[in-house]
Protein backbone atom coordinates (compact mmCIF):
# COMPACT_ATOMS: atom_id res chain seq x y z
CA UNK A 1 80.97 53.46 17.99
CA UNK A 2 79.48 50.97 15.58
CA UNK A 3 79.44 51.34 11.83
CA UNK A 4 76.55 49.78 9.94
CA UNK A 5 77.47 48.39 6.56
CA UNK A 6 75.31 49.32 3.62
CA UNK A 7 74.01 46.47 1.40
CA UNK A 8 76.85 46.86 -1.13
CA UNK A 9 79.46 46.71 1.63
CA UNK A 10 77.77 43.64 3.11
CA UNK A 11 77.89 41.85 -0.23
CA UNK A 12 81.54 42.81 -0.68
CA UNK A 13 82.29 41.45 2.79
CA UNK A 14 80.48 38.20 1.96
CA UNK A 15 82.48 37.86 -1.25
CA UNK A 16 85.83 38.57 0.41
CA UNK A 17 88.21 35.62 0.26
CA UNK A 18 90.88 37.14 2.51
CA UNK A 19 90.15 35.89 6.03
CA UNK A 20 89.88 37.89 8.15
CA UNK A 21 88.82 40.58 5.72
CA UNK A 22 90.61 43.91 5.65
CA UNK A 23 89.26 47.36 4.93
CA UNK A 24 91.17 50.50 4.02
CA UNK A 25 90.27 53.97 5.22
CA UNK A 26 90.84 56.11 2.10
CA UNK A 27 91.38 59.24 4.20
CA UNK A 28 94.34 57.82 6.10
CA UNK A 29 95.24 54.74 4.01
CA UNK A 30 95.22 52.75 7.25
CA UNK A 31 94.18 49.12 6.95
CA UNK A 32 91.83 47.58 9.49
CA UNK A 33 91.10 43.90 10.10
CA UNK A 34 87.48 42.86 10.60
CA UNK A 35 86.92 40.12 13.16
CA UNK A 36 83.71 38.60 14.47
CA UNK A 37 83.06 39.98 17.95
CA UNK A 38 83.54 36.55 19.57
CA UNK A 39 87.05 36.25 18.11
CA UNK A 40 87.89 39.79 19.15
CA UNK A 41 86.84 39.08 22.74
CA UNK A 42 89.03 35.96 22.84
CA UNK A 43 92.02 37.86 21.47
CA UNK A 44 91.40 40.69 23.90
CA UNK A 45 91.68 38.22 26.77
CA UNK A 46 94.99 36.90 25.44
CA UNK A 47 96.63 40.29 25.05
CA UNK A 48 94.95 42.03 27.94
CA UNK A 49 96.92 43.52 30.80
CA UNK A 50 95.50 40.92 33.19
CA UNK A 51 96.70 37.94 31.18
CA UNK A 52 99.04 35.64 33.09
CA UNK A 53 100.88 33.13 30.88
CA UNK A 54 100.65 30.59 33.69
CA UNK A 55 96.92 30.37 33.00
CA UNK A 56 97.76 28.80 29.65
CA UNK A 57 100.07 26.10 31.09
CA UNK A 58 97.37 23.42 31.55
CA UNK A 59 96.24 23.84 27.95
CA UNK A 60 99.82 23.80 26.68
CA UNK A 61 100.49 20.62 28.68
CA UNK A 62 97.36 18.98 27.27
CA UNK A 63 98.35 19.83 23.69
CA UNK A 64 101.91 18.57 24.22
CA UNK A 65 100.62 15.33 25.74
CA UNK A 66 98.21 14.81 22.85
CA UNK A 67 101.12 15.20 20.43
CA UNK A 68 103.17 12.57 22.27
CA UNK A 69 105.61 14.73 24.20
CA UNK A 70 104.84 12.82 27.40
CA UNK A 71 106.03 9.54 25.84
CA UNK A 72 108.60 7.96 28.22
CA UNK A 73 110.67 6.96 25.18
CA UNK A 74 111.52 10.64 24.73
CA UNK A 75 113.25 10.74 28.13
CA UNK A 76 116.44 9.59 26.38
CA UNK A 77 116.79 13.13 25.02
CA UNK A 78 117.21 14.43 28.57
CA UNK A 79 120.43 12.40 28.78
CA UNK A 80 121.73 14.14 25.65
CA UNK A 81 121.42 17.63 27.12
CA UNK A 82 124.99 19.04 27.04
CA UNK A 83 124.19 21.36 29.95
CA UNK A 84 123.81 18.36 32.28
CA UNK A 85 126.95 16.96 33.81
CA UNK A 86 127.39 13.16 33.83
């Protein structure tokens, strides 16, 4: 089901500073979050039943490397791990 906003609702949505905007159903007092369809589809992939966290590992590795976590100078911290026996 799709709901078409009337012109007043569209202007109110444009003026909304809360991102993403929220709407309240006055019948139930439930609050709903409005997302662009592209963002919803991306989120749906992340929380979907077929999501395997291992698919995110390459991206996580790339982000960590960009932030310097692959710097060999940080290897010294491995020696400080109390779980490792000398």
